[in-house]
C-alpha atoms as a PDB file:
ATOM      1  CA  UNK A   1     196.179  92.709  77.460  1.00  0.00           C
ATOM      2  CA  UNK A   2     198.494  91.694  80.304  1.00  0.00           C
ATOM      3  CA  UNK A   3     199.868  95.238  80.432  1.00  0.00           C
ATOM      4  CA  UNK A   4     196.411  96.773  80.759  1.00  0.00           C
ATOM      5  CA  UNK A   5     195.393  94.277  83.446  1.00  0.00           C
ATOM      6  CA  UNK A   6     198.545  94.841  85.485  1.00  0.00           C
ATOM      7  CA  UNK A   7     198.142  98.596  85.173  1.00  0.00           C
ATOM      8  CA  UNK A   8     194.534  98.409  86.343  1.00  0.00           C
ATOM      9  CA  UNK A   9     195.426  96.264  89.332  1.00  0.00           C
ATOM     10  CA  UNK A  10     198.201  98.654  90.270  1.00  0.00           C
ATOM     11  CA  UNK A  11     195.745 101.555  90.419  1.00  0.00           C
ATOM     12  CA  UNK A  12     192.668  99.863  91.890  1.00  0.00           C
ATOM     13  CA  UNK A  13     193.238 101.174  95.434  1.00  0.00           C
ATOM     14  CA  UNK A  14     192.472 104.680  94.176  1.00  0.00           C
ATOM     15  CA  UNK A  15     188.788 105.516  94.577  1.00  0.00           C
ATOM     16  CA  UNK A  16     188.753 107.762  91.505  1.00  0.00           C
ATOM     17  CA  UNK A  17     189.701 104.877  89.214  1.00  0.00           C
ATOM     18  CA  UNK A  18     187.219 102.516  90.845  1.00  0.00           C
ATOM     19  CA  UNK A  19     184.492 105.086  90.313  1.00  0.00           C
ATOM     20  CA  UNK A  20     185.507 105.426  86.678  1.00  0.00           C
ATOM     21  CA  UNK A  21     185.655 101.742  85.787  1.00  0.00           C
ATOM     22  CA  UNK A  22     183.022 100.133  88.004  1.00  0.00           C
ATOM     23  CA  UNK A  23     179.317 100.800  88.488  1.00  0.00           C
ATOM     24  CA  UNK A  24     178.447 102.788  91.574  1.00  0.00           C
ATOM     25  CA  UNK A  25     177.010  99.702  93.282  1.00  0.00           C
ATOM     26  CA  UNK A  26     180.413  98.033  93.163  1.00  0.00           C
ATOM     27  CA  UNK A  27     182.523 100.942  94.418  1.00  0.00           C
ATOM     28  CA  UNK A  28     181.407 100.118  97.952  1.00  0.00           C
ATOM     29  CA  UNK A  29     183.890  97.232  97.995  1.00  0.00           C
ATOM     30  CA  UNK A  30     186.669  98.024 100.433  1.00  0.00           C
ATOM     31  CA  UNK A  31     189.709  99.555  98.828  1.00  0.00           C
ATOM     32  CA  UNK A  32     192.021  97.060 100.504  1.00  0.00           C
ATOM     33  CA  UNK A  33     190.223  94.013  99.043  1.00  0.00           C
ATOM     34  CA  UNK A  34     189.123  95.469  95.697  1.00  0.00           C
ATOM     35  CA  UNK A  35     191.731  93.828  93.477  1.00  0.00           C
ATOM     36  CA  UNK A  36     191.402  90.512  95.307  1.00  0.00           C
ATOM     37  CA  UNK A  37     187.618  90.203  95.238  1.00  0.00           C
ATOM     38  CA  UNK A  38     186.766  91.715  91.831  1.00  0.00           C
ATOM     39  CA  UNK A  39     187.376  89.675  88.671  1.00  0.00           C
ATOM     40  CA  UNK A  40     189.576  91.242  86.018  1.00  0.00           C
ATOM     41  CA  UNK A  41     187.360  93.907  84.378  1.00  0.00           C
ATOM     42  CA  UNK A  42     189.113  93.470  81.025  1.00  0.00           C
ATOM     43  CA  UNK A  43     188.395  89.753  81.001  1.00  0.00           C
ATOM     44  CA  UNK A  44     184.796  90.389  82.005  1.00  0.00           C
ATOM     45  CA  UNK A  45     184.429  92.752  79.069  1.00  0.00           C
ATOM     46  CA  UNK A  46     185.803  90.130  76.687  1.00  0.00           C
ATOM     47  CA  UNK A  47     183.426  87.475  78.002  1.00  0.00           C
ATOM     48  CA  UNK A  48     180.440  89.812  77.797  1.00  0.00           C
ATOM     49  CA  UNK A  49     181.297  91.294  74.403  1.00  0.00           C
ATOM     50  CA  UNK A  50     181.694  88.053  72.447  1.00  0.00           C
ATOM     51  CA  UNK A  51     178.043  86.952  72.314  1.00  0.00           C
ATOM     52  CA  UNK A  52     176.830  90.522  71.706  1.00  0.00           C
ATOM     53  CA  UNK A  53     179.167  90.990  68.749  1.00  0.00           C
ATOM     54  CA  UNK A  54     178.252  87.542  67.412  1.00  0.00           C
ATOM     55  CA  UNK A  55     174.483  88.041  67.598  1.00  0.00           C
ATOM     56  CA  UNK A  56     174.262  91.702  66.606  1.00  0.00           C
ATOM     57  CA  UNK A  57     177.377  92.387  64.589  1.00  0.00           C
ATOM     58  CA  UNK A  58     179.998  95.018  65.287  1.00  0.00           C
ATOM     59  CA  UNK A  59     178.015  98.052  64.137  1.00  0.00           C
ATOM     60  CA  UNK A  60     174.850  97.186  66.067  1.00  0.00           C
ATOM     61  CA  UNK A  61     176.504  96.003  69.274  1.00  0.00           C
ATOM     62  CA  UNK A  62     175.892  98.655  71.989  1.00  0.00           C
ATOM     63  CA  UNK A  63     178.941  99.370  74.125  1.00  0.00           C
ATOM     64  CA  UNK A  64     176.687 100.248  77.051  1.00  0.00           C
ATOM     65  CA  UNK A  65     175.010  96.854  76.916  1.00  0.00           C
ATOM     66  CA  UNK A  66     178.389  95.123  76.848  1.00  0.00           C
ATOM     67  CA  UNK A  67     179.570  97.157  79.835  1.00  0.00           C
ATOM     68  CA  UNK A  68     176.349  96.400  81.700  1.00  0.00           C
ATOM     69  CA  UNK A  69     176.709  92.677  81.094  1.00  0.00           C
ATOM     70  CA  UNK A  70     180.311  92.855  82.269  1.00  0.00           C
ATOM     71  CA  UNK A  71     179.337  94.807  85.368  1.00  0.00           C
ATOM     72  CA  UNK A  72     181.718  97.667  84.620  1.00  0.00           C
ATOM     73  CA  UNK A  73     181.403 101.318  83.714  1.00  0.00           C
ATOM     74  CA  UNK A  74     181.256 102.055  79.997  1.00  0.00           C
ATOM     75  CA  UNK A  75     184.507 104.020  80.367  1.00  0.00           C
ATOM     76  CA  UNK A  76     186.300 100.727  81.043  1.00  0.00           C
ATOM     77  CA  UNK A  77     186.084  99.883  77.343  1.00  0.00           C
ATOM     78  CA  UNK A  78     188.250 102.865  76.451  1.00  0.00           C
ATOM     79  CA  UNK A  79     190.561 102.283  79.403  1.00  0.00           C
ATOM     80  CA  UNK A  80     191.395  98.676  78.571  1.00  0.00           C
ATOM     81  CA  UNK A  81     190.925  98.495  74.807  1.00  0.00           C
ATOM     82  CA  UNK A  82     191.064 102.044  73.454  1.00  0.00           C
ATOM     83  CA  UNK A  83     187.676 101.900  71.768  1.00  0.00           C
ATOM     84  CA  UNK A  84     184.937  99.568  70.598  1.00  0.00           C
ATOM     85  CA  UNK A  85     187.045  98.289  67.688  1.00  0.00           C
ATOM     86  CA  UNK A  86     189.880  97.530  70.072  1.00  0.00           C
ATOM     87  CA  UNK A  87     187.520  95.419  72.167  1.00  0.00           C
ATOM     88  CA  UNK A  88     186.239  93.677  69.047  1.00  0.00           C
ATOM     89  CA  UNK A  89     189.774  92.883  67.879  1.00  0.00           C
ATOM     90  CA  UNK A  90     190.614  91.548  71.328  1.00  0.00           C
ATOM     91  CA  UNK A  91     187.590  89.226  71.278  1.00  0.00           C
ATOM     92  CA  UNK A  92     188.648  87.808  67.902  1.00  0.00           C
ATOM     93  CA  UNK A  93     192.244  87.465  69.080  1.00  0.00           C
ATOM     94  CA  UNK A  94     191.084  85.552  72.149  1.00  0.00           C
ATOM     95  CA  UNK A  95     189.135  83.117  69.970  1.00  0.00           C
ATOM     96  CA  UNK A  96     192.147  82.705  67.704  1.00  0.00           C
ATOM     97  CA  UNK A  97     194.552  82.044  70.564  1.00  0.00           C
ATOM     98  CA  UNK A  98     192.213  79.467  72.114  1.00  0.00           C
ATOM     99  CA  UNK A  99     191.779  77.607  68.823  1.00  0.00           C
ATOM    100  CA  UNK A 100     195.497  77.667  68.070  1.00  0.00           C
ATOM    101  CA  UNK A 101     196.289  76.357  71.541  1.00  0.00           C
ATOM    102  CA  UNK A 102     193.679  73.583  71.417  1.00  0.00           C
ATOM    103  CA  UNK A 103     194.224  72.637  67.767  1.00  0.00           C
ATOM    104  CA  UNK A 104     197.782  73.571  66.746  1.00  0.00           C
ATOM    105  CA  UNK A 105     198.760  73.428  63.104  1.00  0.00           C
ATOM    106  CA  UNK A 106     201.218  70.699  62.080  1.00  0.00           C
ATOM    107  CA  UNK A 107     204.834  71.594  61.456  1.00  0.00           C
ATOM    108  CA  UNK A 108     205.722  71.177  57.800  1.00  0.00           C
ATOM    109  CA  UNK A 109     208.441  68.646  57.129  1.00  0.00           C
ATOM    110  CA  UNK A 110     207.798  66.507  60.205  1.00  0.00           C
ATOM    111  CA  UNK A 111     205.822  63.938  58.207  1.00  0.00           C
ATOM    112  CA  UNK A 112     205.297  62.939  54.567  1.00  0.00           C
ATOM    113  CA  UNK A 113     203.193  65.334  52.526  1.00  0.00           C
ATOM    114  CA  UNK A 114     200.200  62.973  52.530  1.00  0.00           C
ATOM    115  CA  UNK A 115     200.147  62.802  56.326  1.00  0.00           C
ATOM    116  CA  UNK A 116     200.750  66.545  56.589  1.00  0.00           C
ATOM    117  CA  UNK A 117     197.725  67.169  54.378  1.00  0.00           C
ATOM    118  CA  UNK A 118     195.544  65.055  56.670  1.00  0.00           C
ATOM    119  CA  UNK A 119     196.825  66.905  59.740  1.00  0.00           C
ATOM    120  CA  UNK A 120     196.098  70.257  58.117  1.00  0.00           C
ATOM    121  CA  UNK A 121     192.572  69.176  57.175  1.00  0.00           C
ATOM    122  CA  UNK A 122     191.990  67.834  60.680  1.00  0.00           C
ATOM    123  CA  UNK A 123     193.181  71.119  62.168  1.00  0.00           C
ATOM    124  CA  UNK A 124     190.812  73.094  59.945  1.00  0.00           C
ATOM    125  CA  UNK A 125     187.856  70.873  60.784  1.00  0.00           C
ATOM    126  CA  UNK A 126     188.646  70.886  64.492  1.00  0.00           C
ATOM    127  CA  UNK A 127     188.833  74.659  64.656  1.00  0.00           C
ATOM    128  CA  UNK A 128     185.553  74.958  62.765  1.00  0.00           C
ATOM    129  CA  UNK A 129     183.561  72.130  64.354  1.00  0.00           C
ATOM    130  CA  UNK A 130     185.047  71.019  67.643  1.00  0.00           C
ATOM    131  CA  UNK A 131     186.178  74.304  69.099  1.00  0.00           C
ATOM    132  CA  UNK A 132     182.908  76.124  69.690  1.00  0.00           C
ATOM    133  CA  UNK A 133     181.543  74.931  73.012  1.00  0.00           C
ATOM    134  CA  UNK A 134     180.123  78.388  73.741  1.00  0.00           C
ATOM    135  CA  UNK A 135     178.062  78.349  70.540  1.00  0.00           C
ATOM    136  CA  UNK A 136     178.767  81.920  69.417  1.00  0.00           C
ATOM    137  CA  UNK A 137     182.440  81.944  68.451  1.00  0.00           C
ATOM    138  CA  UNK A 138     182.033  80.448  64.985  1.00  0.00           C
ATOM    139  CA  UNK A 139     179.037  82.721  64.430  1.00  0.00           C
ATOM    140  CA  UNK A 140     181.184  85.765  65.163  1.00  0.00           C
ATOM    141  CA  UNK A 141     183.951  84.598  62.812  1.00  0.00           C
ATOM    142  CA  UNK A 142     181.446  83.863  60.052  1.00  0.00           C
ATOM    143  CA  UNK A 143     179.778  87.232  60.526  1.00  0.00           C
ATOM    144  CA  UNK A 144     183.123  88.985  60.210  1.00  0.00           C
ATOM    145  CA  UNK A 145     183.819  87.188  56.920  1.00  0.00           C
ATOM    146  CA  UNK A 146     180.369  87.967  55.525  1.00  0.00           C
ATOM    147  CA  UNK A 147     180.224  91.547  56.813  1.00  0.00           C
ATOM    148  CA  UNK A 148     183.881  92.547  57.148  1.00  0.00           C
ATOM    149  CA  UNK A 149     185.118  95.303  59.396  1.00  0.00           C
ATOM    150  CA  UNK A 150     188.558  96.800  59.895  1.00  0.00           C
ATOM    151  CA  UNK A 151     189.422  93.683  61.907  1.00  0.00           C
ATOM    152  CA  UNK A 152     189.230  91.320  58.921  1.00  0.00           C
ATOM    153  CA  UNK A 153     192.724  92.015  57.608  1.00  0.00           C
ATOM    154  CA  UNK A 154     194.320  91.097  60.922  1.00  0.00           C
ATOM    155  CA  UNK A 155     192.099  88.037  61.311  1.00  0.00           C
ATOM    156  CA  UNK A 156     193.062  86.741  57.878  1.00  0.00           C
ATOM    157  CA  UNK A 157     196.754  87.495  58.356  1.00  0.00           C
ATOM    158  CA  UNK A 158     197.052  85.953  61.807  1.00  0.00           C
ATOM    159  CA  UNK A 159     194.482  83.146  61.667  1.00  0.00           C
ATOM    160  CA  UNK A 160     193.822  82.006  58.105  1.00  0.00           C
ATOM    161  CA  UNK A 161     197.007  82.861  56.218  1.00  0.00           C
ATOM    162  CA  UNK A 162     199.325  80.396  58.013  1.00  0.00           C
ATOM    163  CA  UNK A 163     197.064  77.399  57.340  1.00  0.00           C
ATOM    164  CA  UNK A 164     196.363  78.533  53.783  1.00  0.00           C
ATOM    165  CA  UNK A 165     200.086  78.887  53.051  1.00  0.00           C
ATOM    166  CA  UNK A 166     200.745  75.451  54.542  1.00  0.00           C
ATOM    167  CA  UNK A 167     197.984  73.933  52.398  1.00  0.00           C
ATOM    168  CA  UNK A 168     199.384  75.529  49.259  1.00  0.00           C
ATOM    169  CA  UNK A 169     202.881  74.272  49.971  1.00  0.00           C
ATOM    170  CA  UNK A 170     201.685  70.760  50.763  1.00  0.00           C
ATOM    171  CA  UNK A 171     199.395  70.493  47.749  1.00  0.00           C
ATOM    172  CA  UNK A 172     202.163  71.902  45.567  1.00  0.00           C
ATOM    173  CA  UNK A 173     204.455  69.132  46.805  1.00  0.00           C
ATOM    174  CA  UNK A 174     201.833  66.496  46.018  1.00  0.00           C
ATOM    175  CA  UNK A 175     200.837  67.658  42.553  1.00  0.00           C
ATOM    176  CA  UNK A 176     202.795  66.250  39.616  1.00  0.00           C
ATOM    177  CA  UNK A 177     204.437  68.578  37.178  1.00  0.00           C
ATOM    178  CA  UNK A 178     202.398  69.582  34.151  1.00  0.00           C
ATOM    179  CA  UNK A 179     203.837  67.958  31.058  1.00  0.00           C
ATOM    180  CA  UNK A 180     203.946  70.479  28.261  1.00  0.00           C
ATOM    181  CA  UNK A 181     206.343  71.531  25.559  1.00  0.00           C
ATOM    182  CA  UNK A 182     209.515  73.222  26.730  1.00  0.00           C
ATOM    183  CA  UNK A 183     208.444  76.580  25.349  1.00  0.00           C
ATOM    184  CA  UNK A 184     205.247  76.410  27.420  1.00  0.00           C
ATOM    185  CA  UNK A 185     206.842  75.393  30.731  1.00  0.00           C
ATOM    186  CA  UNK A 186     207.152  78.906  32.107  1.00  0.00           C
ATOM    187  CA  UNK A 187     203.509  79.794  31.538  1.00  0.00           C
ATOM    188  CA  UNK A 188     202.322  76.351  32.674  1.00  0.00           C
ATOM    189  CA  UNK A 189     204.304  76.480  35.910  1.00  0.00           C
ATOM    190  CA  UNK A 190     203.089  80.007  36.578  1.00  0.00           C
ATOM    191  CA  UNK A 191     199.488  78.901  36.096  1.00  0.00           C
ATOM    192  CA  UNK A 192     200.102  75.906  38.372  1.00  0.00           C
ATOM    193  CA  UNK A 193     201.475  78.137  41.124  1.00  0.00           C
ATOM    194  CA  UNK A 194     199.117  81.081  40.725  1.00  0.00           C
ATOM    195  CA  UNK A 195     195.842  79.307  39.965  1.00  0.00           C
ATOM    196  CA  UNK A 196     195.749  75.551  40.329  1.00  0.00           C
ATOM    197  CA  UNK A 197     197.419  75.160  43.729  1.00  0.00           C
ATOM    198  CA  UNK A 198     195.561  78.071  45.393  1.00  0.00           C
ATOM    199  CA  UNK A 199     192.235  76.910  43.961  1.00  0.00           C
ATOM    200  CA  UNK A 200     192.771  73.387  45.280  1.00  0.00           C
ATOM    201  CA  UNK A 201     193.773  74.769  48.682  1.00  0.00           C
ATOM    202  CA  UNK A 202     190.656  76.930  48.814  1.00  0.00           C
ATOM    203  CA  UNK A 203     188.660  73.895  47.703  1.00  0.00           C
ATOM    204  CA  UNK A 204     189.892  72.038  50.774  1.00  0.00           C
ATOM    205  CA  UNK A 205     188.924  74.990  52.970  1.00  0.00           C
ATOM    206  CA  UNK A 206     185.518  75.119  51.281  1.00  0.00           C
ATOM    207  CA  UNK A 207     184.848  71.445  51.974  1.00  0.00           C
ATOM    208  CA  UNK A 208     185.722  71.924  55.634  1.00  0.00           C
ATOM    209  CA  UNK A 209     183.673  75.101  55.863  1.00  0.00           C
ATOM    210  CA  UNK A 210     180.568  73.467  54.436  1.00  0.00           C
ATOM    211  CA  UNK A 211     180.338  71.089  57.369  1.00  0.00           C
ATOM    212  CA  UNK A 212     180.102  74.177  59.561  1.00  0.00           C
ATOM    213  CA  UNK A 213     177.728  76.437  57.657  1.00  0.00           C
ATOM    214  CA  UNK A 214     175.745  73.553  56.163  1.00  0.00           C
ATOM    215  CA  UNK A 215     175.242  71.724  59.435  1.00  0.00           C
ATOM    216  CA  UNK A 216     171.471  72.431  59.679  1.00  0.00           C
ATOM    217  CA  UNK A 217     170.952  71.055  56.154  1.00  0.00           C
ATOM    218  CA  UNK A 218     173.219  68.071  56.762  1.00  0.00           C
ATOM    219  CA  UNK A 219     171.300  67.213  59.926  1.00  0.00           C
ATOM    220  CA  UNK A 220     168.140  67.008  57.809  1.00  0.00           C
ATOM    221  CA  UNK A 221     169.786  64.897  55.106  1.00  0.00           C
ATOM    222  CA  UNK A 222     171.847  62.468  57.171  1.00  0.00           C
ATOM    223  CA  UNK A 223     170.450  60.264  59.938  1.00  0.00           C
ATOM    224  CA  UNK A 224     171.898  60.880  63.426  1.00  0.00           C
ATOM    225  CA  UNK A 225     173.383  57.386  63.758  1.00  0.00           C
ATOM    226  CA  UNK A 226     175.154  57.764  60.414  1.00  0.00           C
ATOM    227  CA  UNK A 227     176.474  61.190  61.351  1.00  0.00           C
ATOM    228  CA  UNK A 228     177.828  59.730  64.576  1.00  0.00           C
ATOM    229  CA  UNK A 229     179.769  57.069  62.651  1.00  0.00           C
ATOM    230  CA  UNK A 230     180.908  58.868  59.525  1.00  0.00           C
ATOM    231  CA  UNK A 231     180.761  62.609  60.155  1.00  0.00           C
ATOM    232  CA  UNK A 232     183.221  63.029  62.987  1.00  0.00           C
ATOM    233  CA  UNK A 233     186.248  65.267  62.575  1.00  0.00           C
ATOM    234  CA  UNK A 234     188.477  62.235  61.968  1.00  0.00           C
ATOM    235  CA  UNK A 235     186.130  60.649  59.438  1.00  0.00           C
ATOM    236  CA  UNK A 236     185.533  63.861  57.529  1.00  0.00           C
ATOM    237  CA  UNK A 237     189.248  64.584  57.649  1.00  0.00           C
ATOM    238  CA  UNK A 238     190.042  61.251  56.011  1.00  0.00           C
ATOM    239  CA  UNK A 239     187.399  61.802  53.350  1.00  0.00           C
ATOM    240  CA  UNK A 240     188.556  65.301  52.405  1.00  0.00           C
ATOM    241  CA  UNK A 241     192.179  64.183  52.437  1.00  0.00           C
ATOM    242  CA  UNK A 242     191.415  61.164  50.237  1.00  0.00           C
ATOM    243  CA  UNK A 243     189.573  63.219  47.632  1.00  0.00           C
ATOM    244  CA  UNK A 244     192.379  65.771  47.563  1.00  0.00           C
ATOM    245  CA  UNK A 245     195.059  63.096  47.262  1.00  0.00           C
ATOM    246  CA  UNK A 246     193.089  61.456  44.459  1.00  0.00           C
ATOM    247  CA  UNK A 247     193.032  64.755  42.625  1.00  0.00           C
ATOM    248  CA  UNK A 248     196.728  65.320  43.202  1.00  0.00           C
ATOM    249  CA  UNK A 249     197.644  61.782  42.166  1.00  0.00           C
ATOM    250  CA  UNK A 250     195.553  61.701  39.004  1.00  0.00           C
ATOM    251  CA  UNK A 251     197.944  62.809  36.318  1.00  0.00           C
ATOM    252  CA  UNK A 252     195.073  63.473  33.931  1.00  0.00           C
ATOM    253  CA  UNK A 253     193.632  66.078  36.289  1.00  0.00           C
ATOM    254  CA  UNK A 254     196.349  68.724  35.739  1.00  0.00           C
ATOM    255  CA  UNK A 255     196.079  68.180  31.988  1.00  0.00           C
ATOM    256  CA  UNK A 256     192.302  68.455  32.134  1.00  0.00           C
ATOM    257  CA  UNK A 257     192.520  71.655  34.163  1.00  0.00           C
ATOM    258  CA  UNK A 258     195.177  73.015  31.842  1.00  0.00           C
ATOM    259  CA  UNK A 259     192.940  72.272  28.867  1.00  0.00           C
ATOM    260  CA  UNK A 260     190.229  74.433  30.430  1.00  0.00           C
ATOM    261  CA  UNK A 261     192.674  77.344  30.665  1.00  0.00           C
ATOM    262  CA  UNK A 262     194.463  76.868  27.351  1.00  0.00           C
ATOM    263  CA  UNK A 263     192.699  74.347  25.172  1.00  0.00           C
ATOM    264  CA  UNK A 264     194.767  75.061  22.081  1.00  0.00           C
ATOM    265  CA  UNK A 265     198.080  74.079  23.643  1.00  0.00           C
ATOM    266  CA  UNK A 266     196.778  70.815  25.081  1.00  0.00           C
ATOM    267  CA  UNK A 267     194.828  70.030  21.955  1.00  0.00           C
ATOM    268  CA  UNK A 268     197.947  70.482  19.842  1.00  0.00           C
ATOM    269  CA  UNK A 269     199.917  68.170  22.138  1.00  0.00           C
ATOM    270  CA  UNK A 270     197.211  65.531  22.034  1.00  0.00           C
ATOM    271  CA  UNK A 271     196.998  65.813  18.260  1.00  0.00           C
ATOM    272  CA  UNK A 272     200.730  65.266  17.946  1.00  0.00           C
ATOM    273  CA  UNK A 273     200.555  62.171  20.179  1.00  0.00           C
ATOM    274  CA  UNK A 274     197.694  60.724  18.108  1.00  0.00           C
ATOM    275  CA  UNK A 275     199.583  61.366  14.903  1.00  0.00           C
ATOM    276  CA  UNK A 276     202.685  59.683  16.322  1.00  0.00           C
ATOM    277  CA  UNK A 277     200.707  56.616  17.373  1.00  0.00           C
ATOM    278  CA  UNK A 278     199.022  56.409  13.978  1.00  0.00           C
ATOM    279  CA  UNK A 279     202.312  56.730  12.149  1.00  0.00           C
ATOM    280  CA  UNK A 280     203.752  53.920  14.284  1.00  0.00           C
ATOM    281  CA  UNK A 281     200.847  51.659  13.364  1.00  0.00           C
ATOM    282  CA  UNK A 282     201.384  52.361   9.667  1.00  0.00           C
ATOM    283  CA  UNK A 283     205.039  51.337   9.819  1.00  0.00           C
ATOM    284  CA  UNK A 284     205.710  47.850   8.320  1.00  0.00           C
END
């Protein structure tokens, strides 16, 4: 983006480029003062494009309308961003950079796992709830997830993957080992890594996400004064962290989940334990 902006400013004294990128009504600005008096056209396109993409979706967002709102010629989209998809990607990247700057993710290892989990949950909630002053940013991100475009892969890789990986690592550190027979340890550990930890991490994300997408329902269910006391980012963060820690600390939970996946193995283990206890009682 900086490269495109610098390139544009370097060429703005040339009337041919001004005619190409700006509407005819704006080419009357003196060549000497053009770069000083006109806002960055690329930034204007980003500001104008965000709400249009959010409200209409990528496919139905007219490039001409975006250019008109930005006060630039439609050719400016190609000049600065390559094409409509390039502009769309840049809008998402701008949202991502703003959220990451305002609500940075915690560094793993700086605090105990329990505190790290809370910081991760708070970061998720903050990015979803507290970082949308404009009102359309979360709508655009949700629309992209529900109606994915070619930009989804990059959005997931750059925005969601780091927090998801950190959640998985932290939850994995908090969960106790699954106690099974030696011959079953390999399969049990694989299931723990491949299923249980990711599902719990996604469960945390789902809890955070509900307070975003379910806000209209929640506002009908919960009185305003109660929401003000107990539904802040900090309060919700503590609640979600507490429920997750309770799940991680409950040693019966991994066994219960394992029983759902492989009832025979757990049932056999439980049967052996019952038989051992009964045989102990029968001893004189």
